[in-house]
Amino acid sequence: MKLTPLLLVAAATRILGTPIDDRNVPSITDPNFIGRILDAHWYWRRIHCAQDLQWDHKLAEKALHAVSECTQKPKHEHAGSNLSSVGPTPKAYEKWLEMCRTIVHGWYEEEGKYPYHDPTYDDAWAHFTQLVWRDSSRVGCAVVHCPDHVDWPGRLYCLYENVGNVVNDGEYQKNVWGKVCGDPGHDRAGTPVNQLKH
């Protein structure tokens, strides 16, 4: 049987676009996954005087649909989003949860690059600015285990409403404040801060 080029492309897309059915990967309804995501956001947003985020299941579904395409290279599909990926993938459920928490905390590491004196958009700090964007009030995230032959198969994708990184005049000054509200010292459940950052 000879396949036409169009069928070959469709077959290749189907192979790349299917996440591995890995029971260790948390679902978008898993309360442990949701808690880790919200706690990591909560901590950094409090320091920058941003409102607490609420979990939005529709955003999580949208994130899952987009990240489940498992493209060869990770790619953002939507404005107002943060995407990170790892390889190799974690081997246990708790490791997947830890990966997600670590990724969100890692987005904050871009804060040191952000020019508070001349606030603008740049890829070098866009994860950080979306993370603490004051006008965002909801988040929905999804994590998938893409086939191991793609680049960085462990992928976490978060979508936000209202979207951040709006480049209109004055938006960065209004939405990305410095560390003026102080370190809460713990997460929403009372876990000491020294256990959050590591």
N, C-alpha and C. Protein backbone atom coordinates (compact mmCIF):
# COMPACT_ATOMS: atom_id res chain seq x y z
N MET A 1 0.85 -1.18 0.00
CA MET A 1 0.00 0.00 0.00
C MET A 1 0.88 1.23 0.00
N LYS A 2 0.61 2.15 -0.90
CA LYS A 2 1.39 3.37 -1.02
C LYS A 2 0.58 4.53 -0.45
N LEU A 3 1.18 5.27 0.52
CA LEU A 3 0.49 6.41 1.12
C LEU A 3 0.81 7.68 0.35
N THR A 4 -0.16 8.50 0.15
CA THR A 4 0.07 9.78 -0.51
C THR A 4 0.76 10.71 0.48
N PRO A 5 1.45 11.76 0.00
CA PRO A 5 2.10 12.72 0.91
C PRO A 5 1.14 13.32 1.93
N LEU A 6 -0.11 13.61 1.53
CA LEU A 6 -1.07 14.18 2.46
C LEU A 6 -1.39 13.22 3.60
N LEU A 7 -1.53 11.94 3.28
CA LEU A 7 -1.79 10.95 4.33
C LEU A 7 -0.57 10.78 5.24
N LEU A 8 0.62 10.86 4.68
CA LEU A 8 1.83 10.77 5.50
C LEU A 8 1.91 11.93 6.49
N VAL A 9 1.60 13.14 6.03
CA VAL A 9 1.59 14.30 6.91
C VAL A 9 0.54 14.13 8.00
N ALA A 10 -0.63 13.67 7.64
CA ALA A 10 -1.69 13.46 8.63
C ALA A 10 -1.27 12.41 9.65
N ALA A 11 -0.64 11.33 9.20
CA ALA A 11 -0.18 10.29 10.11
C ALA A 11 0.90 10.81 11.05
N ALA A 12 1.84 11.59 10.53
CA ALA A 12 2.90 12.16 11.38
C ALA A 12 2.31 13.13 12.40
N THR A 13 1.34 13.94 11.98
CA THR A 13 0.71 14.87 12.91
C THR A 13 0.00 14.11 14.02
N ARG A 14 -0.65 13.01 13.68
CA ARG A 14 -1.37 12.22 14.68
C ARG A 14 -0.39 11.64 15.69
N ILE A 15 0.76 11.16 15.24
CA ILE A 15 1.76 10.58 16.15
C ILE A 15 2.30 11.66 17.08
N LEU A 16 2.67 12.83 16.55
CA LEU A 16 3.19 13.90 17.39
C LEU A 16 2.12 14.45 18.31
N GLY A 17 0.86 14.46 17.87
CA GLY A 17 -0.19 15.14 18.60
C GLY A 17 -0.91 14.32 19.64
N THR A 18 -0.33 13.25 20.12
CA THR A 18 -1.00 12.41 21.10
C THR A 18 -0.15 12.27 22.36
N PRO A 19 -0.61 12.85 23.48
CA PRO A 19 0.14 12.65 24.73
C PRO A 19 0.14 11.18 25.15
N ILE A 20 1.15 10.80 25.89
CA ILE A 20 1.23 9.44 26.43
C ILE A 20 0.22 9.32 27.56
N ASP A 21 -0.49 8.21 27.59
CA ASP A 21 -1.45 7.95 28.67
C ASP A 21 -0.66 7.49 29.90
N ASP A 22 -0.26 8.45 30.70
CA ASP A 22 0.59 8.21 31.87
C ASP A 22 -0.23 8.51 33.12
N ARG A 23 -0.56 7.48 33.89
CA ARG A 23 -1.39 7.67 35.09
C ARG A 23 -0.72 8.53 36.14
N ASN A 24 0.58 8.74 36.03
CA ASN A 24 1.29 9.58 36.99
C ASN A 24 1.08 11.07 36.75
N VAL A 25 0.63 11.45 35.56
CA VAL A 25 0.45 12.86 35.21
C VAL A 25 -0.84 13.37 35.83
N PRO A 26 -0.77 14.44 36.63
CA PRO A 26 -1.99 14.98 37.26
C PRO A 26 -2.96 15.52 36.22
N SER A 27 -4.25 15.32 36.47
CA SER A 27 -5.29 15.84 35.58
C SER A 27 -5.62 17.29 35.97
N ILE A 28 -6.37 17.95 35.11
CA ILE A 28 -6.75 19.34 35.37
C ILE A 28 -7.79 19.46 36.48
N THR A 29 -8.32 18.33 36.95
CA THR A 29 -9.27 18.36 38.07
C THR A 29 -8.65 17.84 39.36
N ASP A 30 -7.39 17.47 39.32
CA ASP A 30 -6.70 16.93 40.50
C ASP A 30 -6.49 18.05 41.53
N PRO A 31 -7.07 17.92 42.73
CA PRO A 31 -6.92 18.99 43.72
C PRO A 31 -5.47 19.23 44.16
N ASN A 32 -4.63 18.20 44.13
CA ASN A 32 -3.22 18.40 44.48
C ASN A 32 -2.51 19.25 43.43
N PHE A 33 -2.79 18.97 42.16
CA PHE A 33 -2.22 19.75 41.06
C PHE A 33 -2.70 21.20 41.14
N ILE A 34 -3.99 21.38 41.27
CA ILE A 34 -4.56 22.74 41.35
C ILE A 34 -3.95 23.49 42.54
N GLY A 35 -3.85 22.82 43.68
CA GLY A 35 -3.27 23.45 44.87
C GLY A 35 -1.84 23.88 44.67
N ARG A 36 -1.03 23.02 44.05
CA ARG A 36 0.39 23.38 43.82
C ARG A 36 0.50 24.59 42.90
N ILE A 37 -0.31 24.60 41.87
CA ILE A 37 -0.28 25.72 40.92
C ILE A 37 -0.71 27.01 41.62
N LEU A 38 -1.84 26.97 42.32
CA LEU A 38 -2.34 28.18 42.98
C LEU A 38 -1.40 28.65 44.09
N ASP A 39 -0.83 27.72 44.87
CA ASP A 39 0.09 28.10 45.94
C ASP A 39 1.32 28.81 45.39
N ALA A 40 1.89 28.28 44.32
CA ALA A 40 3.09 28.90 43.75
C ALA A 40 2.78 30.29 43.22
N HIS A 41 1.66 30.44 42.55
CA HIS A 41 1.25 31.77 42.08
C HIS A 41 0.97 32.70 43.26
N TRP A 42 0.22 32.18 44.23
CA TRP A 42 -0.19 32.98 45.39
C TRP A 42 1.01 33.62 46.06
N TYR A 43 2.03 32.85 46.29
CA TYR A 43 3.19 33.35 47.02
C TYR A 43 3.81 34.57 46.32
N TRP A 44 4.13 34.43 45.04
CA TRP A 44 4.80 35.52 44.33
C TRP A 44 3.88 36.70 44.07
N ARG A 45 2.62 36.43 43.80
CA ARG A 45 1.68 37.52 43.56
C ARG A 45 1.46 38.35 44.81
N ARG A 46 1.47 37.74 45.97
CA ARG A 46 1.32 38.48 47.23
C ARG A 46 2.47 39.47 47.41
N ILE A 47 3.68 39.07 47.09
CA ILE A 47 4.84 39.96 47.24
C ILE A 47 4.71 41.19 46.34
N HIS A 48 4.06 41.03 45.19
CA HIS A 48 3.92 42.12 44.23
C HIS A 48 2.53 42.76 44.28
N CYS A 49 1.79 42.55 45.35
CA CYS A 49 0.48 43.18 45.57
C CYS A 49 -0.55 42.85 44.50
N ALA A 50 -0.45 41.66 43.92
CA ALA A 50 -1.43 41.24 42.92
C ALA A 50 -2.50 40.40 43.60
N GLN A 51 -3.71 40.47 43.06
CA GLN A 51 -4.82 39.71 43.64
C GLN A 51 -4.58 38.21 43.54
N ASP A 52 -5.19 37.46 44.46
CA ASP A 52 -5.11 36.00 44.40
C ASP A 52 -5.85 35.50 43.16
N LEU A 53 -5.29 34.49 42.54
CA LEU A 53 -5.93 33.89 41.36
C LEU A 53 -6.93 32.83 41.78
N GLN A 54 -7.99 32.69 41.00
CA GLN A 54 -8.96 31.62 41.16
C GLN A 54 -8.76 30.62 40.03
N TRP A 55 -8.96 29.34 40.34
CA TRP A 55 -8.84 28.30 39.31
C TRP A 55 -10.02 28.38 38.37
N ASP A 56 -9.75 28.32 37.07
CA ASP A 56 -10.78 28.38 36.04
C ASP A 56 -10.71 27.11 35.21
N HIS A 57 -11.71 26.24 35.38
CA HIS A 57 -11.68 24.95 34.69
C HIS A 57 -11.73 25.11 33.17
N LYS A 58 -12.46 26.10 32.68
CA LYS A 58 -12.52 26.30 31.22
C LYS A 58 -11.16 26.70 30.66
N LEU A 59 -10.43 27.54 31.39
CA LEU A 59 -9.06 27.87 30.96
C LEU A 59 -8.18 26.64 31.00
N ALA A 60 -8.35 25.80 32.03
CA ALA A 60 -7.56 24.57 32.13
C ALA A 60 -7.87 23.64 30.95
N GLU A 61 -9.13 23.52 30.57
CA GLU A 61 -9.50 22.70 29.42
C GLU A 61 -8.87 23.24 28.14
N LYS A 62 -8.90 24.55 28.00
CA LYS A 62 -8.30 25.20 26.81
C LYS A 62 -6.79 24.97 26.78
N ALA A 63 -6.15 25.07 27.95
CA ALA A 63 -4.71 24.81 28.04
C ALA A 63 -4.41 23.35 27.70
N LEU A 64 -5.23 22.43 28.21
CA LEU A 64 -5.02 21.01 27.93
C LEU A 64 -5.16 20.72 26.44
N HIS A 65 -6.16 21.30 25.82
CA HIS A 65 -6.36 21.09 24.38
C HIS A 65 -5.13 21.57 23.60
N ALA A 66 -4.63 22.75 23.95
CA ALA A 66 -3.49 23.31 23.21
C ALA A 66 -2.20 22.51 23.46
N VAL A 67 -1.90 22.20 24.71
CA VAL A 67 -0.64 21.54 25.02
C VAL A 67 -0.65 20.07 24.58
N SER A 68 -1.82 19.50 24.44
CA SER A 68 -1.93 18.10 24.00
C SER A 68 -1.60 17.90 22.53
N GLU A 69 -1.39 18.98 21.80
CA GLU A 69 -0.96 18.84 20.41
C GLU A 69 0.42 18.22 20.33
N CYS A 70 1.20 18.36 21.39
CA CYS A 70 2.53 17.74 21.46
C CYS A 70 3.35 17.99 20.20
N THR A 71 3.46 19.24 19.82
CA THR A 71 4.27 19.62 18.67
C THR A 71 5.74 19.27 18.94
N GLN A 72 6.53 19.17 17.91
CA GLN A 72 7.94 18.79 18.07
C GLN A 72 8.65 19.72 19.04
N LYS A 73 8.41 21.02 18.88
CA LYS A 73 8.96 22.02 19.81
C LYS A 73 7.79 22.66 20.55
N PRO A 74 7.93 22.91 21.85
CA PRO A 74 6.84 23.55 22.58
C PRO A 74 6.51 24.91 21.97
N LYS A 75 5.21 25.26 21.94
CA LYS A 75 4.84 26.57 21.39
C LYS A 75 3.62 27.11 22.10
N HIS A 76 3.62 28.43 22.28
CA HIS A 76 2.48 29.14 22.86
C HIS A 76 1.39 29.23 21.81
N GLU A 77 0.18 28.92 22.21
CA GLU A 77 -0.96 29.02 21.32
C GLU A 77 -1.82 30.24 21.61
N HIS A 78 -1.71 30.81 22.81
CA HIS A 78 -2.62 31.87 23.23
C HIS A 78 -1.86 33.00 23.91
N ALA A 79 -2.35 34.22 23.73
CA ALA A 79 -1.84 35.35 24.50
C ALA A 79 -2.24 35.12 25.95
N GLY A 80 -1.51 35.74 26.87
CA GLY A 80 -1.83 35.58 28.28
C GLY A 80 -1.58 34.17 28.77
N SER A 81 -0.40 33.63 28.45
CA SER A 81 -0.10 32.26 28.83
C SER A 81 1.36 32.13 29.23
N ASN A 82 1.62 31.10 30.00
CA ASN A 82 2.99 30.70 30.33
C ASN A 82 3.14 29.22 30.00
N LEU A 83 4.24 28.89 29.34
CA LEU A 83 4.52 27.51 28.93
C LEU A 83 5.96 27.18 29.28
N SER A 84 6.15 26.05 29.90
CA SER A 84 7.50 25.54 30.13
C SER A 84 7.48 24.03 29.95
N SER A 85 8.63 23.48 29.64
CA SER A 85 8.71 22.05 29.40
C SER A 85 10.04 21.50 29.89
N VAL A 86 10.05 20.21 30.16
CA VAL A 86 11.24 19.54 30.68
C VAL A 86 11.46 18.23 29.96
N GLY A 87 12.65 17.74 30.07
CA GLY A 87 12.99 16.40 29.61
C GLY A 87 14.24 15.96 30.35
N PRO A 88 14.34 14.74 30.75
CA PRO A 88 13.31 13.71 30.63
C PRO A 88 12.14 13.99 31.58
N THR A 89 11.07 13.26 31.37
CA THR A 89 9.87 13.46 32.17
C THR A 89 9.98 12.78 33.53
N PRO A 90 9.24 13.28 34.52
CA PRO A 90 9.21 12.62 35.83
C PRO A 90 8.65 11.21 35.71
N LYS A 91 9.00 10.36 36.67
CA LYS A 91 8.57 8.96 36.64
C LYS A 91 7.48 8.63 37.66
N ALA A 92 7.14 9.57 38.54
CA ALA A 92 6.15 9.30 39.58
C ALA A 92 5.23 10.51 39.75
N TYR A 93 4.04 10.26 40.26
CA TYR A 93 3.03 11.30 40.45
C TYR A 93 3.56 12.48 41.26
N GLU A 94 4.16 12.22 42.42
CA GLU A 94 4.69 13.31 43.25
C GLU A 94 5.75 14.11 42.52
N LYS A 95 6.53 13.45 41.66
CA LYS A 95 7.56 14.16 40.88
C LYS A 95 6.92 15.07 39.83
N TRP A 96 5.80 14.66 39.27
CA TRP A 96 5.08 15.53 38.33
C TRP A 96 4.56 16.77 39.07
N LEU A 97 4.00 16.56 40.25
CA LEU A 97 3.52 17.70 41.03
C LEU A 97 4.67 18.65 41.37
N GLU A 98 5.80 18.07 41.76
CA GLU A 98 6.97 18.89 42.10
C GLU A 98 7.49 19.63 40.86
N MET A 99 7.46 18.97 39.71
CA MET A 99 7.88 19.63 38.46
C MET A 99 7.02 20.86 38.21
N CYS A 100 5.70 20.73 38.36
CA CYS A 100 4.80 21.86 38.11
C CYS A 100 5.07 23.00 39.08
N ARG A 101 5.22 22.70 40.34
CA ARG A 101 5.50 23.72 41.35
C ARG A 101 6.82 24.42 41.05
N THR A 102 7.84 23.64 40.72
CA THR A 102 9.16 24.18 40.43
C THR A 102 9.14 25.07 39.19
N ILE A 103 8.39 24.67 38.18
CA ILE A 103 8.28 25.48 36.96
C ILE A 103 7.69 26.85 37.29
N VAL A 104 6.59 26.88 38.04
CA VAL A 104 5.96 28.16 38.36
C VAL A 104 6.92 29.03 39.16
N HIS A 105 7.60 28.46 40.14
CA HIS A 105 8.59 29.24 40.89
C HIS A 105 9.73 29.69 39.96
N GLY A 106 10.07 28.86 38.99
CA GLY A 106 11.12 29.21 38.03
C GLY A 106 10.76 30.41 37.17
N TRP A 107 9.49 30.58 36.87
CA TRP A 107 9.07 31.75 36.08
C TRP A 107 9.44 33.03 36.82
N TYR A 108 9.39 32.97 38.13
CA TYR A 108 9.71 34.16 38.91
C TYR A 108 11.19 34.54 38.82
N GLU A 109 12.06 33.60 38.51
CA GLU A 109 13.49 33.89 38.43
C GLU A 109 13.82 34.96 37.39
N GLU A 110 12.90 35.21 36.46
CA GLU A 110 13.10 36.27 35.47
C GLU A 110 12.95 37.67 36.07
N GLU A 111 12.45 37.75 37.30
CA GLU A 111 12.20 39.05 37.93
C GLU A 111 13.46 39.91 37.98
N GLY A 112 14.61 39.30 38.18
CA GLY A 112 15.87 40.04 38.26
C GLY A 112 16.25 40.75 36.98
N LYS A 113 15.68 40.34 35.87
CA LYS A 113 15.96 40.96 34.57
C LYS A 113 15.00 42.11 34.26
N TYR A 114 13.89 42.18 34.99
CA TYR A 114 12.82 43.12 34.64
C TYR A 114 13.24 44.56 34.95
N PRO A 115 13.13 45.47 33.96
CA PRO A 115 13.52 46.87 34.16
C PRO A 115 12.38 47.72 34.73
N TYR A 116 12.25 47.72 36.04
CA TYR A 116 11.18 48.50 36.67
C TYR A 116 11.25 49.97 36.28
N HIS A 117 12.46 50.48 36.00
CA HIS A 117 12.62 51.89 35.62
C HIS A 117 12.13 52.18 34.21
N ASP A 118 12.02 51.12 33.37
CA ASP A 118 11.57 51.29 31.98
C ASP A 118 10.74 50.06 31.59
N PRO A 119 9.55 49.89 32.20
CA PRO A 119 8.79 48.66 32.01
C PRO A 119 8.26 48.48 30.60
N THR A 120 8.61 47.35 30.01
CA THR A 120 8.21 47.01 28.65
C THR A 120 8.11 45.49 28.54
N TYR A 121 7.71 45.03 27.37
CA TYR A 121 7.67 43.59 27.11
C TYR A 121 9.02 43.12 26.57
N ASP A 122 9.42 41.94 27.02
CA ASP A 122 10.56 41.24 26.44
C ASP A 122 10.41 39.77 26.81
N ASP A 123 10.77 38.88 25.89
CA ASP A 123 10.71 37.45 26.17
C ASP A 123 11.54 37.07 27.40
N ALA A 124 12.58 37.85 27.69
CA ALA A 124 13.49 37.53 28.79
C ALA A 124 12.80 37.57 30.15
N TRP A 125 11.68 38.28 30.27
CA TRP A 125 10.98 38.36 31.56
C TRP A 125 9.46 38.18 31.42
N ALA A 126 8.99 37.69 30.29
CA ALA A 126 7.55 37.59 30.04
C ALA A 126 6.85 36.57 30.94
N HIS A 127 7.53 35.49 31.33
CA HIS A 127 6.91 34.55 32.28
C HIS A 127 6.65 35.26 33.61
N PHE A 128 7.68 35.98 34.08
CA PHE A 128 7.55 36.70 35.36
C PHE A 128 6.41 37.71 35.32
N THR A 129 6.36 38.53 34.27
CA THR A 129 5.35 39.58 34.24
C THR A 129 3.94 39.01 34.17
N GLN A 130 3.76 37.91 33.44
CA GLN A 130 2.43 37.28 33.43
C GLN A 130 2.11 36.69 34.81
N LEU A 131 3.09 36.12 35.45
CA LEU A 131 2.91 35.51 36.77
C LEU A 131 2.36 36.51 37.79
N VAL A 132 2.85 37.74 37.77
CA VAL A 132 2.45 38.73 38.78
C VAL A 132 1.52 39.81 38.24
N TRP A 133 1.04 39.67 37.01
CA TRP A 133 0.19 40.67 36.37
C TRP A 133 -1.04 40.93 37.24
N ARG A 134 -1.19 42.15 37.72
CA ARG A 134 -2.21 42.47 38.72
C ARG A 134 -3.64 42.34 38.19
N ASP A 135 -3.86 42.56 36.92
CA ASP A 135 -5.20 42.50 36.36
C ASP A 135 -5.68 41.07 36.10
N SER A 136 -4.78 40.10 36.15
CA SER A 136 -5.19 38.70 35.98
C SER A 136 -5.88 38.24 37.27
N SER A 137 -7.00 37.57 37.12
CA SER A 137 -7.74 37.08 38.30
C SER A 137 -8.03 35.59 38.26
N ARG A 138 -7.85 34.95 37.09
CA ARG A 138 -8.13 33.53 36.95
C ARG A 138 -6.99 32.84 36.21
N VAL A 139 -6.78 31.57 36.52
CA VAL A 139 -5.77 30.77 35.85
C VAL A 139 -6.31 29.36 35.67
N GLY A 140 -5.90 28.74 34.59
CA GLY A 140 -6.17 27.33 34.34
C GLY A 140 -4.95 26.73 33.67
N CYS A 141 -4.48 25.61 34.18
CA CYS A 141 -3.25 25.01 33.68
C CYS A 141 -3.47 23.54 33.36
N ALA A 142 -2.59 23.01 32.53
CA ALA A 142 -2.60 21.58 32.20
C ALA A 142 -1.18 21.11 32.04
N VAL A 143 -0.94 19.86 32.41
CA VAL A 143 0.37 19.24 32.25
C VAL A 143 0.18 17.95 31.47
N VAL A 144 1.08 17.70 30.53
CA VAL A 144 1.00 16.47 29.73
C VAL A 144 2.38 15.84 29.58
N HIS A 145 2.35 14.55 29.30
CA HIS A 145 3.54 13.79 28.96
C HIS A 145 3.46 13.51 27.47
N CYS A 146 4.16 14.32 26.68
CA CYS A 146 4.18 14.12 25.24
C CYS A 146 5.10 12.94 24.91
N PRO A 147 5.00 12.41 23.69
CA PRO A 147 5.91 11.32 23.32
C PRO A 147 7.37 11.72 23.53
N ASP A 148 8.17 10.79 23.98
CA ASP A 148 9.54 11.10 24.35
C ASP A 148 10.42 11.54 23.18
N HIS A 149 9.99 11.33 21.95
CA HIS A 149 10.81 11.74 20.80
C HIS A 149 10.65 13.23 20.47
N VAL A 150 9.69 13.92 21.08
CA VAL A 150 9.58 15.36 20.84
C VAL A 150 10.54 16.09 21.78
N ASP A 151 10.83 17.35 21.45
CA ASP A 151 11.70 18.15 22.32
C ASP A 151 10.96 18.47 23.61
N TRP A 152 11.58 18.20 24.73
CA TRP A 152 11.05 18.55 26.04
C TRP A 152 9.62 18.00 26.23
N PRO A 153 9.46 16.71 26.45
CA PRO A 153 8.14 16.09 26.45
C PRO A 153 7.26 16.35 27.68
N GLY A 154 7.81 16.77 28.81
CA GLY A 154 6.99 17.12 29.96
C GLY A 154 6.62 18.59 29.86
N ARG A 155 5.34 18.89 29.67
CA ARG A 155 4.93 20.28 29.37
C ARG A 155 3.83 20.77 30.31
N LEU A 156 4.05 21.98 30.83
CA LEU A 156 3.06 22.67 31.67
C LEU A 156 2.65 23.95 30.95
N TYR A 157 1.35 24.13 30.78
CA TYR A 157 0.82 25.30 30.07
C TYR A 157 -0.26 25.93 30.93
N CYS A 158 -0.13 27.23 31.21
CA CYS A 158 -1.10 27.98 32.01
C CYS A 158 -1.67 29.13 31.20
N LEU A 159 -2.98 29.29 31.26
CA LEU A 159 -3.67 30.40 30.62
C LEU A 159 -4.27 31.29 31.69
N TYR A 160 -4.29 32.59 31.44
CA TYR A 160 -4.74 33.58 32.41
C TYR A 160 -5.83 34.47 31.83
N GLU A 161 -6.72 34.92 32.70
CA GLU A 161 -7.71 35.95 32.40
C GLU A 161 -7.70 36.92 33.57
N ASN A 162 -7.68 38.15 33.36
CA ASN A 162 -7.41 38.83 32.12
C ASN A 162 -5.96 38.56 31.71
N VAL A 163 -5.72 38.59 30.41
CA VAL A 163 -4.39 38.27 29.93
C VAL A 163 -3.40 39.35 30.37
N GLY A 164 -2.18 38.91 30.58
CA GLY A 164 -1.11 39.83 30.93
C GLY A 164 -0.25 40.15 29.73
N ASN A 165 0.84 40.87 30.00
CA ASN A 165 1.79 41.29 28.98
C ASN A 165 1.11 42.10 27.88
N VAL A 166 0.19 42.95 28.29
CA VAL A 166 -0.48 43.87 27.38
C VAL A 166 0.48 45.04 27.14
N VAL A 167 0.79 45.32 25.89
CA VAL A 167 1.85 46.29 25.58
C VAL A 167 1.35 47.72 25.42
N ASN A 168 0.08 48.00 25.66
CA ASN A 168 -0.42 49.37 25.58
C ASN A 168 0.30 50.26 26.58
N ASP A 169 0.39 51.54 26.27
CA ASP A 169 1.06 52.50 27.15
C ASP A 169 0.51 52.42 28.58
N GLY A 170 1.41 52.36 29.53
CA GLY A 170 1.06 52.39 30.94
C GLY A 170 0.64 51.06 31.55
N GLU A 171 0.45 50.02 30.74
CA GLU A 171 -0.04 48.75 31.28
C GLU A 171 0.98 48.07 32.20
N TYR A 172 2.27 48.15 31.85
CA TYR A 172 3.27 47.50 32.71
C TYR A 172 3.41 48.25 34.04
N GLN A 173 3.39 49.57 34.00
CA GLN A 173 3.45 50.34 35.25
C GLN A 173 2.26 50.01 36.15
N LYS A 174 1.09 49.84 35.57
CA LYS A 174 -0.13 49.58 36.32
C LYS A 174 -0.18 48.14 36.86
N ASN A 175 0.40 47.18 36.13
CA ASN A 175 0.18 45.77 36.43
C ASN A 175 1.38 45.00 36.99
N VAL A 176 2.57 45.55 36.88
CA VAL A 176 3.75 44.86 37.42
C VAL A 176 4.41 45.79 38.43
N TRP A 177 4.07 45.58 39.68
CA TRP A 177 4.63 46.38 40.77
C TRP A 177 5.88 45.69 41.31
N GLY A 178 6.69 46.48 41.98
CA GLY A 178 7.86 45.92 42.64
C GLY A 178 7.45 45.10 43.86
N LYS A 179 8.43 44.66 44.62
CA LYS A 179 8.17 43.83 45.81
C LYS A 179 7.80 44.74 46.98
N VAL A 180 6.63 45.35 46.91
CA VAL A 180 6.24 46.35 47.91
C VAL A 180 5.31 45.82 48.99
N CYS A 181 4.81 44.61 48.85
CA CYS A 181 3.84 44.10 49.82
C CYS A 181 4.43 43.10 50.81
N GLY A 182 5.69 42.80 50.70
CA GLY A 182 6.32 41.93 51.68
C GLY A 182 6.13 40.45 51.43
N ASP A 183 7.04 39.69 52.02
CA ASP A 183 7.07 38.24 51.89
C ASP A 183 6.06 37.64 52.87
N PRO A 184 5.08 36.88 52.37
CA PRO A 184 4.10 36.30 53.30
C PRO A 184 4.70 35.23 54.21
N GLY A 185 5.87 34.69 53.87
CA GLY A 185 6.54 33.73 54.73
C GLY A 185 5.99 32.32 54.68
N HIS A 186 4.86 32.11 53.98
CA HIS A 186 4.23 30.80 53.91
C HIS A 186 3.28 30.78 52.72
N ASP A 187 2.82 29.57 52.38
CA ASP A 187 1.82 29.47 51.33
C ASP A 187 0.42 29.55 51.94
N ARG A 188 -0.60 29.35 51.14
CA ARG A 188 -1.98 29.46 51.61
C ARG A 188 -2.30 28.45 52.71
N ALA A 189 -1.59 27.31 52.70
CA ALA A 189 -1.85 26.26 53.69
C ALA A 189 -0.97 26.41 54.93
N GLY A 190 -0.07 27.40 54.93
CA GLY A 190 0.80 27.62 56.07
C GLY A 190 2.15 26.96 55.98
N THR A 191 2.50 26.36 54.83
CA THR A 191 3.81 25.75 54.65
C THR A 191 4.87 26.85 54.67
N PRO A 192 5.92 26.71 55.52
CA PRO A 192 6.95 27.74 55.60
C PRO A 192 7.61 28.00 54.25
N VAL A 193 7.99 29.25 54.04
CA VAL A 193 8.55 29.68 52.77
C VAL A 193 9.80 28.91 52.38
N ASN A 194 10.64 28.52 53.33
CA ASN A 194 11.86 27.82 52.97
C ASN A 194 11.57 26.47 52.31
N GLN A 195 10.37 25.93 52.46
CA GLN A 195 10.01 24.70 51.78
C GLN A 195 9.39 24.96 50.43
N LEU A 196 9.04 26.21 50.14
CA LEU A 196 8.42 26.56 48.86
C LEU A 196 9.44 26.80 47.77
N LYS A 197 10.54 27.40 48.11
CA LYS A 197 11.48 27.87 47.09
C LYS A 197 12.44 26.80 46.62
N HIS A 198 12.51 25.67 47.30
CA HIS A 198 13.50 24.65 46.95
C HIS A 198 12.86 23.50 46.23
